[in-house]
Amino acid sequence: MSTTTREELVAAAGRRYVEADRPERGRILDELTSLTGLHRKHAARLLRGGGRGRRHEAGPKRRIYDDAVREALIMIWEASDRVCGKRLRPLVPILVEAMERHGHLQLADDVRDGLLSMSAATIDRALQSVRGRSAGRPRRRAPPSAAVRRSVAVRTFEGWDDPPPGFMEADLVAHSGPVVRGSFVQTLTVTDIATGWTECARVLVREQSLLTAVLGEIRKVLPFRCWASTRTTTACS
């Protein structure tokens, strides 16, 4: 029996059901369930509603992204040092603008719109195949003990926007070996806290004006605005 025929039978029986007495309603209900195969309680609900069954509206369809969007996503993912979807999602608008400005990426309007509308879960699904090819052989990891998990505070990527991209940590690495006397080259390493984006620059001498100039050059190549330097330390290697 088709759905249309079943709805017509329910509608015809519903008009009789409303005007009938209790014994007659039972006979109408028996007749309807034998003809349509509906459950007795469900058929009674339909008849009490005058034969108007609720139709479930179709939910929103999952958006399908074409190959051009996925290829652009792979380029963005490679440029971000292959971070996960939760970390990559807030960076996508910034990276698209920076890569287009420097000529590394040219996107059509529909491809850009599709890339910007991707959620973190969709990004992970789209990158699943390429991530599997680039990951190599999976490593076996021993699970940490419960005591270690309780004693060590682990920060996840759930609160990626605290702080937002642009808050940096800077370290000076002195290439002096075991002796710190004399003149030697140092490396200024600047890392974004939220994304892990890292830039390195050589510094011939440790001097304030030179460090300021080097930081200014690093800020020019960052794909986001540099807001602050939260920590400066010195290490020797």
C-alpha atoms as a PDB file:
ATOM      1  CA  MET A   1       0.000   0.000   0.000  1.00  0.00           C
ATOM      2  CA  SER A   2       1.363   3.390  -0.982  1.00  0.00           C
ATOM      3  CA  THR A   3       1.705   6.271   1.462  1.00  0.00           C
ATOM      4  CA  THR A   4      -0.884   8.319  -0.443  1.00  0.00           C
ATOM      5  CA  THR A   5      -3.485   5.516  -0.284  1.00  0.00           C
ATOM      6  CA  ARG A   6      -2.835   5.029   3.420  1.00  0.00           C
ATOM      7  CA  GLU A   7      -3.305   8.736   4.094  1.00  0.00           C
ATOM      8  CA  GLU A   8      -6.601   8.719   2.166  1.00  0.00           C
ATOM      9  CA  LEU A   9      -7.893   5.765   4.208  1.00  0.00           C
ATOM     10  CA  VAL A  10      -6.891   7.431   7.468  1.00  0.00           C
ATOM     11  CA  ALA A  11      -8.603  10.675   6.434  1.00  0.00           C
ATOM     12  CA  ALA A  12     -11.853   8.890   5.481  1.00  0.00           C
ATOM     13  CA  ALA A  13     -11.874   6.820   8.676  1.00  0.00           C
ATOM     14  CA  GLY A  14     -11.006   9.882  10.742  1.00  0.00           C
ATOM     15  CA  ARG A  15     -14.209  11.684   9.775  1.00  0.00           C
ATOM     16  CA  ARG A  16     -16.271   8.656  10.801  1.00  0.00           C
ATOM     17  CA  TYR A  17     -14.213   8.162  13.978  1.00  0.00           C
ATOM     18  CA  VAL A  18     -14.942  11.657  15.302  1.00  0.00           C
ATOM     19  CA  GLU A  19     -18.730  11.234  15.022  1.00  0.00           C
ATOM     20  CA  ALA A  20     -18.925   7.591  16.189  1.00  0.00           C
ATOM     21  CA  ASP A  21     -19.652   6.241  19.692  1.00  0.00           C
ATOM     22  CA  ARG A  22     -17.178   4.155  21.683  1.00  0.00           C
ATOM     23  CA  PRO A  23     -18.028   0.656  20.275  1.00  0.00           C
ATOM     24  CA  GLU A  24     -18.083   2.010  16.724  1.00  0.00           C
ATOM     25  CA  ARG A  25     -14.692   3.668  17.250  1.00  0.00           C
ATOM     26  CA  GLY A  26     -13.234   0.322  18.228  1.00  0.00           C
ATOM     27  CA  ARG A  27     -14.545  -1.310  15.025  1.00  0.00           C
ATOM     28  CA  ILE A  28     -13.204   1.563  12.896  1.00  0.00           C
ATOM     29  CA  LEU A  29      -9.827   1.230  14.586  1.00  0.00           C
ATOM     30  CA  ASP A  30      -9.763  -2.557  13.973  1.00  0.00           C
ATOM     31  CA  GLU A  31     -10.663  -2.036  10.342  1.00  0.00           C
ATOM     32  CA  LEU A  32      -7.977   0.604   9.818  1.00  0.00           C
ATOM     33  CA  THR A  33      -5.172  -1.396  11.445  1.00  0.00           C
ATOM     34  CA  SER A  34      -6.041  -4.513   9.419  1.00  0.00           C
ATOM     35  CA  LEU A  35      -6.003  -2.556   6.148  1.00  0.00           C
ATOM     36  CA  THR A  36      -2.942  -0.385   6.699  1.00  0.00           C
ATOM     37  CA  GLY A  37      -0.802  -2.415   9.093  1.00  0.00           C
ATOM     38  CA  LEU A  38      -0.446   0.567  11.420  1.00  0.00           C
ATOM     39  CA  HIS A  39       0.114   0.048  15.127  1.00  0.00           C
ATOM     40  CA  ARG A  40      -3.141   0.381  17.052  1.00  0.00           C
ATOM     41  CA  LYS A  41      -1.955   3.271  19.233  1.00  0.00           C
ATOM     42  CA  HIS A  42      -0.500   5.133  16.289  1.00  0.00           C
ATOM     43  CA  ALA A  43      -3.696   4.631  14.275  1.00  0.00           C
ATOM     44  CA  ALA A  44      -5.756   5.953  17.208  1.00  0.00           C
ATOM     45  CA  ARG A  45      -3.609   9.085  17.381  1.00  0.00           C
ATOM     46  CA  LEU A  46      -4.074   9.669  13.655  1.00  0.00           C
ATOM     47  CA  LEU A  47      -7.838   9.222  13.895  1.00  0.00           C
ATOM     48  CA  ARG A  48      -8.126  11.574  16.868  1.00  0.00           C
ATOM     49  CA  GLY A  49      -6.265  14.171  14.833  1.00  0.00           C
ATOM     50  CA  GLY A  50      -8.770  13.929  12.000  1.00  0.00           C
ATOM     51  CA  GLY A  51      -6.422  11.868   9.851  1.00  0.00           C
ATOM     52  CA  ARG A  52      -3.685  14.502   9.754  1.00  0.00           C
ATOM     53  CA  GLY A  53      -0.403  12.755  10.391  1.00  0.00           C
ATOM     54  CA  ARG A  54       2.714  14.740  11.154  1.00  0.00           C
ATOM     55  CA  ARG A  55       5.262  14.674   8.408  1.00  0.00           C
ATOM     56  CA  HIS A  56       8.857  15.022   9.380  1.00  0.00           C
ATOM     57  CA  GLU A  57      10.528  17.764   7.438  1.00  0.00           C
ATOM     58  CA  ALA A  58      13.779  16.841   5.820  1.00  0.00           C
ATOM     59  CA  GLY A  59      16.759  18.130   7.755  1.00  0.00           C
ATOM     60  CA  PRO A  60      19.427  20.287   6.208  1.00  0.00           C
ATOM     61  CA  LYS A  61      21.557  18.434   3.702  1.00  0.00           C
ATOM     62  CA  ARG A  62      25.227  18.022   4.419  1.00  0.00           C
ATOM     63  CA  ARG A  63      27.221  20.407   2.316  1.00  0.00           C
ATOM     64  CA  ILE A  64      29.444  18.700  -0.240  1.00  0.00           C
ATOM     65  CA  TYR A  65      32.761  20.361  -1.060  1.00  0.00           C
ATOM     66  CA  ASP A  66      34.365  19.816  -4.449  1.00  0.00           C
ATOM     67  CA  ASP A  67      37.979  18.984  -5.259  1.00  0.00           C
ATOM     68  CA  ALA A  68      38.982  22.643  -5.678  1.00  0.00           C
ATOM     69  CA  VAL A  69      37.953  23.430  -2.082  1.00  0.00           C
ATOM     70  CA  ARG A  70      39.766  20.352  -0.760  1.00  0.00           C
ATOM     71  CA  GLU A  71      42.943  21.205  -2.676  1.00  0.00           C
ATOM     72  CA  ALA A  72      42.886  24.748  -1.266  1.00  0.00           C
ATOM     73  CA  LEU A  73      42.318  23.294   2.207  1.00  0.00           C
ATOM     74  CA  ILE A  74      45.359  21.027   1.817  1.00  0.00           C
ATOM     75  CA  MET A  75      47.524  24.035   0.894  1.00  0.00           C
ATOM     76  CA  ILE A  76      46.274  25.928   3.955  1.00  0.00           C
ATOM     77  CA  TRP A  77      46.871  22.846   6.126  1.00  0.00           C
ATOM     78  CA  GLU A  78      50.442  22.442   4.846  1.00  0.00           C
ATOM     79  CA  ALA A  79      51.128  26.154   5.437  1.00  0.00           C
ATOM     80  CA  SER A  80      49.925  25.828   9.037  1.00  0.00           C
ATOM     81  CA  ASP A  81      52.357  22.945   9.692  1.00  0.00           C
ATOM     82  CA  ARG A  82      49.523  20.377   9.525  1.00  0.00           C
ATOM     83  CA  VAL A  83      47.632  21.382  12.647  1.00  0.00           C
ATOM     84  CA  CYS A  84      44.331  19.746  13.566  1.00  0.00           C
ATOM     85  CA  GLY A  85      40.938  21.051  12.487  1.00  0.00           C
ATOM     86  CA  LYS A  86      40.169  22.814  15.774  1.00  0.00           C
ATOM     87  CA  ARG A  87      43.372  24.840  15.544  1.00  0.00           C
ATOM     88  CA  LEU A  88      43.164  25.351  11.781  1.00  0.00           C
ATOM     89  CA  ARG A  89      39.559  26.595  11.638  1.00  0.00           C
ATOM     90  CA  PRO A  90      40.204  30.030  13.278  1.00  0.00           C
ATOM     91  CA  LEU A  91      43.343  30.447  11.147  1.00  0.00           C
ATOM     92  CA  VAL A  92      41.698  29.829   7.760  1.00  0.00           C
ATOM     93  CA  PRO A  93      40.521  33.442   7.106  1.00  0.00           C
ATOM     94  CA  ILE A  94      43.895  34.834   8.176  1.00  0.00           C
ATOM     95  CA  LEU A  95      45.911  32.355   6.102  1.00  0.00           C
ATOM     96  CA  VAL A  96      43.733  32.781   3.006  1.00  0.00           C
ATOM     97  CA  GLU A  97      44.159  36.564   3.110  1.00  0.00           C
ATOM     98  CA  ALA A  98      47.919  36.363   3.724  1.00  0.00           C
ATOM     99  CA  MET A  99      48.595  33.693   1.075  1.00  0.00           C
ATOM    100  CA  GLU A 100      46.535  35.543  -1.542  1.00  0.00           C
ATOM    101  CA  ARG A 101      48.283  38.807  -0.692  1.00  0.00           C
ATOM    102  CA  HIS A 102      51.709  37.209  -1.206  1.00  0.00           C
ATOM    103  CA  GLY A 103      50.682  35.373  -4.387  1.00  0.00           C
ATOM    104  CA  HIS A 104      50.823  31.847  -2.953  1.00  0.00           C
ATOM    105  CA  LEU A 105      47.106  31.223  -3.437  1.00  0.00           C
ATOM    106  CA  GLN A 106      44.497  32.333  -5.973  1.00  0.00           C
ATOM    107  CA  LEU A 107      40.915  31.274  -5.243  1.00  0.00           C
ATOM    108  CA  ALA A 108      37.648  31.712  -7.084  1.00  0.00           C
ATOM    109  CA  ASP A 109      34.851  33.296  -5.061  1.00  0.00           C
ATOM    110  CA  ASP A 110      32.895  30.042  -4.644  1.00  0.00           C
ATOM    111  CA  VAL A 111      36.032  28.155  -3.561  1.00  0.00           C
ATOM    112  CA  ARG A 112      36.897  30.851  -1.017  1.00  0.00           C
ATOM    113  CA  ASP A 113      33.342  30.852   0.349  1.00  0.00           C
ATOM    114  CA  GLY A 114      33.397  27.073   0.708  1.00  0.00           C
ATOM    115  CA  LEU A 115      36.757  27.136   2.463  1.00  0.00           C
ATOM    116  CA  LEU A 116      35.671  29.842   4.915  1.00  0.00           C
ATOM    117  CA  SER A 117      32.411  28.040   5.736  1.00  0.00           C
ATOM    118  CA  MET A 118      34.048  24.745   6.731  1.00  0.00           C
ATOM    119  CA  SER A 119      33.681  23.650  10.333  1.00  0.00           C
ATOM    120  CA  ALA A 120      36.515  22.064  12.309  1.00  0.00           C
ATOM    121  CA  ALA A 121      34.922  18.597  12.038  1.00  0.00           C
ATOM    122  CA  THR A 122      34.498  18.972   8.261  1.00  0.00           C
ATOM    123  CA  ILE A 123      38.137  20.039   7.948  1.00  0.00           C
ATOM    124  CA  ASP A 124      39.284  16.903   9.768  1.00  0.00           C
ATOM    125  CA  ARG A 125      37.079  14.707   7.557  1.00  0.00           C
ATOM    126  CA  ALA A 126      38.330  16.353   4.367  1.00  0.00           C
ATOM    127  CA  LEU A 127      41.962  15.909   5.432  1.00  0.00           C
ATOM    128  CA  GLN A 128      41.577  12.347   6.658  1.00  0.00           C
ATOM    129  CA  SER A 129      42.904  10.668   3.513  1.00  0.00           C
ATOM    130  CA  VAL A 130      45.875  12.990   2.945  1.00  0.00           C
ATOM    131  CA  ARG A 131      46.725  12.951   6.647  1.00  0.00           C
ATOM    132  CA  GLY A 132      46.794   9.158   6.561  1.00  0.00           C
ATOM    133  CA  ARG A 133      49.204   9.143   3.608  1.00  0.00           C
ATOM    134  CA  SER A 134      51.553  11.662   5.219  1.00  0.00           C
ATOM    135  CA  ALA A 135      51.513  10.240   8.716  1.00  0.00           C
ATOM    136  CA  GLY A 136      53.486   7.110   7.832  1.00  0.00           C
ATOM    137  CA  ARG A 137      53.381   4.058  10.024  1.00  0.00           C
ATOM    138  CA  PRO A 138      51.236   4.538  13.140  1.00  0.00           C
ATOM    139  CA  ARG A 139      53.101   4.515  16.403  1.00  0.00           C
ATOM    140  CA  ARG A 140      52.055   2.445  19.374  1.00  0.00           C
ATOM    141  CA  ARG A 141      51.617   4.647  22.404  1.00  0.00           C
ATOM    142  CA  ALA A 142      51.477   3.417  25.943  1.00  0.00           C
ATOM    143  CA  PRO A 143      48.529   4.922  27.828  1.00  0.00           C
ATOM    144  CA  PRO A 144      49.527   7.260  30.668  1.00  0.00           C
ATOM    145  CA  SER A 145      48.792   6.140  34.169  1.00  0.00           C
ATOM    146  CA  ALA A 146      45.792   7.547  36.024  1.00  0.00           C
ATOM    147  CA  ALA A 147      48.088   9.105  38.649  1.00  0.00           C
ATOM    148  CA  VAL A 148      49.973  11.054  35.982  1.00  0.00           C
ATOM    149  CA  ARG A 149      46.731  12.281  34.393  1.00  0.00           C
ATOM    150  CA  ARG A 150      45.478  13.532  37.743  1.00  0.00           C
ATOM    151  CA  SER A 151      48.721  15.268  38.721  1.00  0.00           C
ATOM    152  CA  VAL A 152      49.555  16.985  35.408  1.00  0.00           C
ATOM    153  CA  ALA A 153      47.300  19.740  34.115  1.00  0.00           C
ATOM    154  CA  VAL A 154      46.842  19.246  30.367  1.00  0.00           C
ATOM    155  CA  ARG A 155      45.595  22.106  28.239  1.00  0.00           C
ATOM    156  CA  THR A 156      43.523  20.946  25.267  1.00  0.00           C
ATOM    157  CA  PHE A 157      42.704  22.832  22.055  1.00  0.00           C
ATOM    158  CA  GLU A 158      39.106  23.391  23.123  1.00  0.00           C
ATOM    159  CA  GLY A 159      39.854  26.947  24.256  1.00  0.00           C
ATOM    160  CA  TRP A 160      41.965  27.905  21.238  1.00  0.00           C
ATOM    161  CA  ASP A 161      40.917  31.559  21.480  1.00  0.00           C
ATOM    162  CA  ASP A 162      42.484  32.120  24.914  1.00  0.00           C
ATOM    163  CA  PRO A 163      44.732  33.773  23.886  1.00  0.00           C
ATOM    164  CA  PRO A 164      43.824  34.454  20.240  1.00  0.00           C
ATOM    165  CA  PRO A 165      46.454  34.192  17.465  1.00  0.00           C
ATOM    166  CA  GLY A 166      49.020  36.998  17.654  1.00  0.00           C
ATOM    167  CA  PHE A 167      50.224  36.651  21.251  1.00  0.00           C
ATOM    168  CA  MET A 168      53.818  35.517  20.983  1.00  0.00           C
ATOM    169  CA  GLU A 169      56.554  33.984  23.120  1.00  0.00           C
ATOM    170  CA  ALA A 170      60.164  34.883  22.300  1.00  0.00           C
ATOM    171  CA  ASP A 171      63.391  33.089  23.192  1.00  0.00           C
ATOM    172  CA  LEU A 172      67.044  34.007  22.572  1.00  0.00           C
ATOM    173  CA  VAL A 173      69.258  30.986  21.943  1.00  0.00           C
ATOM    174  CA  ALA A 174      72.944  31.762  22.472  1.00  0.00           C
ATOM    175  CA  HIS A 175      75.235  29.654  20.261  1.00  0.00           C
ATOM    176  CA  SER A 176      78.202  29.892  22.596  1.00  0.00           C
ATOM    177  CA  GLY A 177      78.707  26.285  23.612  1.00  0.00           C
ATOM    178  CA  PRO A 178      79.850  25.758  27.224  1.00  0.00           C
ATOM    179  CA  VAL A 179      81.544  29.195  27.453  1.00  0.00           C
ATOM    180  CA  VAL A 180      79.520  32.432  27.521  1.00  0.00           C
ATOM    181  CA  ARG A 181      82.496  34.783  27.160  1.00  0.00           C
ATOM    182  CA  GLY A 182      83.307  36.593  23.953  1.00  0.00           C
ATOM    183  CA  SER A 183      81.254  37.313  20.856  1.00  0.00           C
ATOM    184  CA  PHE A 184      78.864  34.748  19.395  1.00  0.00           C
ATOM    185  CA  VAL A 185      75.721  34.578  17.266  1.00  0.00           C
ATOM    186  CA  GLN A 186      72.264  34.211  18.814  1.00  0.00           C
ATOM    187  CA  THR A 187      68.936  33.056  17.359  1.00  0.00           C
ATOM    188  CA  LEU A 188      65.702  34.861  18.146  1.00  0.00           C
ATOM    189  CA  THR A 189      62.803  32.373  18.129  1.00  0.00           C
ATOM    190  CA  VAL A 190      59.258  33.777  18.159  1.00  0.00           C
ATOM    191  CA  THR A 191      56.324  31.357  18.603  1.00  0.00           C
ATOM    192  CA  ASP A 192      52.584  32.081  18.522  1.00  0.00           C
ATOM    193  CA  ILE A 193      50.907  30.568  21.604  1.00  0.00           C
ATOM    194  CA  ALA A 194      47.581  29.691  19.968  1.00  0.00           C
ATOM    195  CA  THR A 195      48.765  28.229  16.649  1.00  0.00           C
ATOM    196  CA  GLY A 196      52.393  27.242  17.210  1.00  0.00           C
ATOM    197  CA  TRP A 197      53.521  29.340  14.238  1.00  0.00           C
ATOM    198  CA  THR A 198      57.289  29.881  14.670  1.00  0.00           C
ATOM    199  CA  GLU A 199      59.713  32.320  13.065  1.00  0.00           C
ATOM    200  CA  CYS A 200      63.489  32.377  13.642  1.00  0.00           C
ATOM    201  CA  ALA A 201      66.030  35.117  12.942  1.00  0.00           C
ATOM    202  CA  ARG A 202      69.762  35.363  13.539  1.00  0.00           C
ATOM    203  CA  VAL A 203      71.123  38.144  15.775  1.00  0.00           C
ATOM    204  CA  LEU A 204      74.827  39.002  15.594  1.00  0.00           C
ATOM    205  CA  VAL A 205      74.938  40.769  18.957  1.00  0.00           C
ATOM    206  CA  ARG A 206      72.540  40.973  21.848  1.00  0.00           C
ATOM    207  CA  GLU A 207      71.554  44.627  21.684  1.00  0.00           C
ATOM    208  CA  GLN A 208      68.158  46.260  22.258  1.00  0.00           C
ATOM    209  CA  SER A 209      67.893  48.319  19.069  1.00  0.00           C
ATOM    210  CA  LEU A 210      68.974  45.366  16.933  1.00  0.00           C
ATOM    211  CA  LEU A 211      66.426  43.079  18.617  1.00  0.00           C
ATOM    212  CA  THR A 212      63.710  45.663  18.024  1.00  0.00           C
ATOM    213  CA  ALA A 213      64.616  45.866  14.340  1.00  0.00           C
ATOM    214  CA  VAL A 214      64.649  42.068  13.974  1.00  0.00           C
ATOM    215  CA  LEU A 215      61.234  41.783  15.683  1.00  0.00           C
ATOM    216  CA  GLY A 216      59.899  44.373  13.258  1.00  0.00           C
ATOM    217  CA  GLU A 217      61.054  42.270  10.298  1.00  0.00           C
ATOM    218  CA  ILE A 218      59.493  39.145  11.791  1.00  0.00           C
ATOM    219  CA  ARG A 219      56.160  40.936  12.228  1.00  0.00           C
ATOM    220  CA  LYS A 220      56.089  41.691   8.501  1.00  0.00           C
ATOM    221  CA  VAL A 221      56.078  38.000   7.535  1.00  0.00           C
ATOM    222  CA  LEU A 222      53.572  36.790  10.131  1.00  0.00           C
ATOM    223  CA  PRO A 223      50.142  35.847   8.672  1.00  0.00           C
ATOM    224  CA  PHE A 224      48.383  37.539  11.619  1.00  0.00           C
ATOM    225  CA  ARG A 225      48.838  40.675  13.673  1.00  0.00           C
ATOM    226  CA  CYS A 226      51.395  40.433  16.461  1.00  0.00           C
ATOM    227  CA  TRP A 227      49.777  41.728  19.644  1.00  0.00           C
ATOM    228  CA  ALA A 228      52.306  41.133  22.391  1.00  0.00           C
ATOM    229  CA  SER A 229      55.405  39.293  23.504  1.00  0.00           C
ATOM    230  CA  THR A 230      54.512  37.479  26.698  1.00  0.00           C
ATOM    231  CA  ARG A 231      57.846  35.999  27.703  1.00  0.00           C
ATOM    232  CA  THR A 232      61.507  36.401  26.837  1.00  0.00           C
ATOM    233  CA  THR A 233      64.107  33.886  28.025  1.00  0.00           C
ATOM    234  CA  THR A 234      67.664  33.011  27.105  1.00  0.00           C
ATOM    235  CA  ALA A 235      68.971  29.529  26.458  1.00  0.00           C
ATOM    236  CA  CYS A 236      72.431  28.332  25.549  1.00  0.00           C
ATOM    237  CA  SER A 237      73.312  25.622  23.053  1.00  0.00           C
END
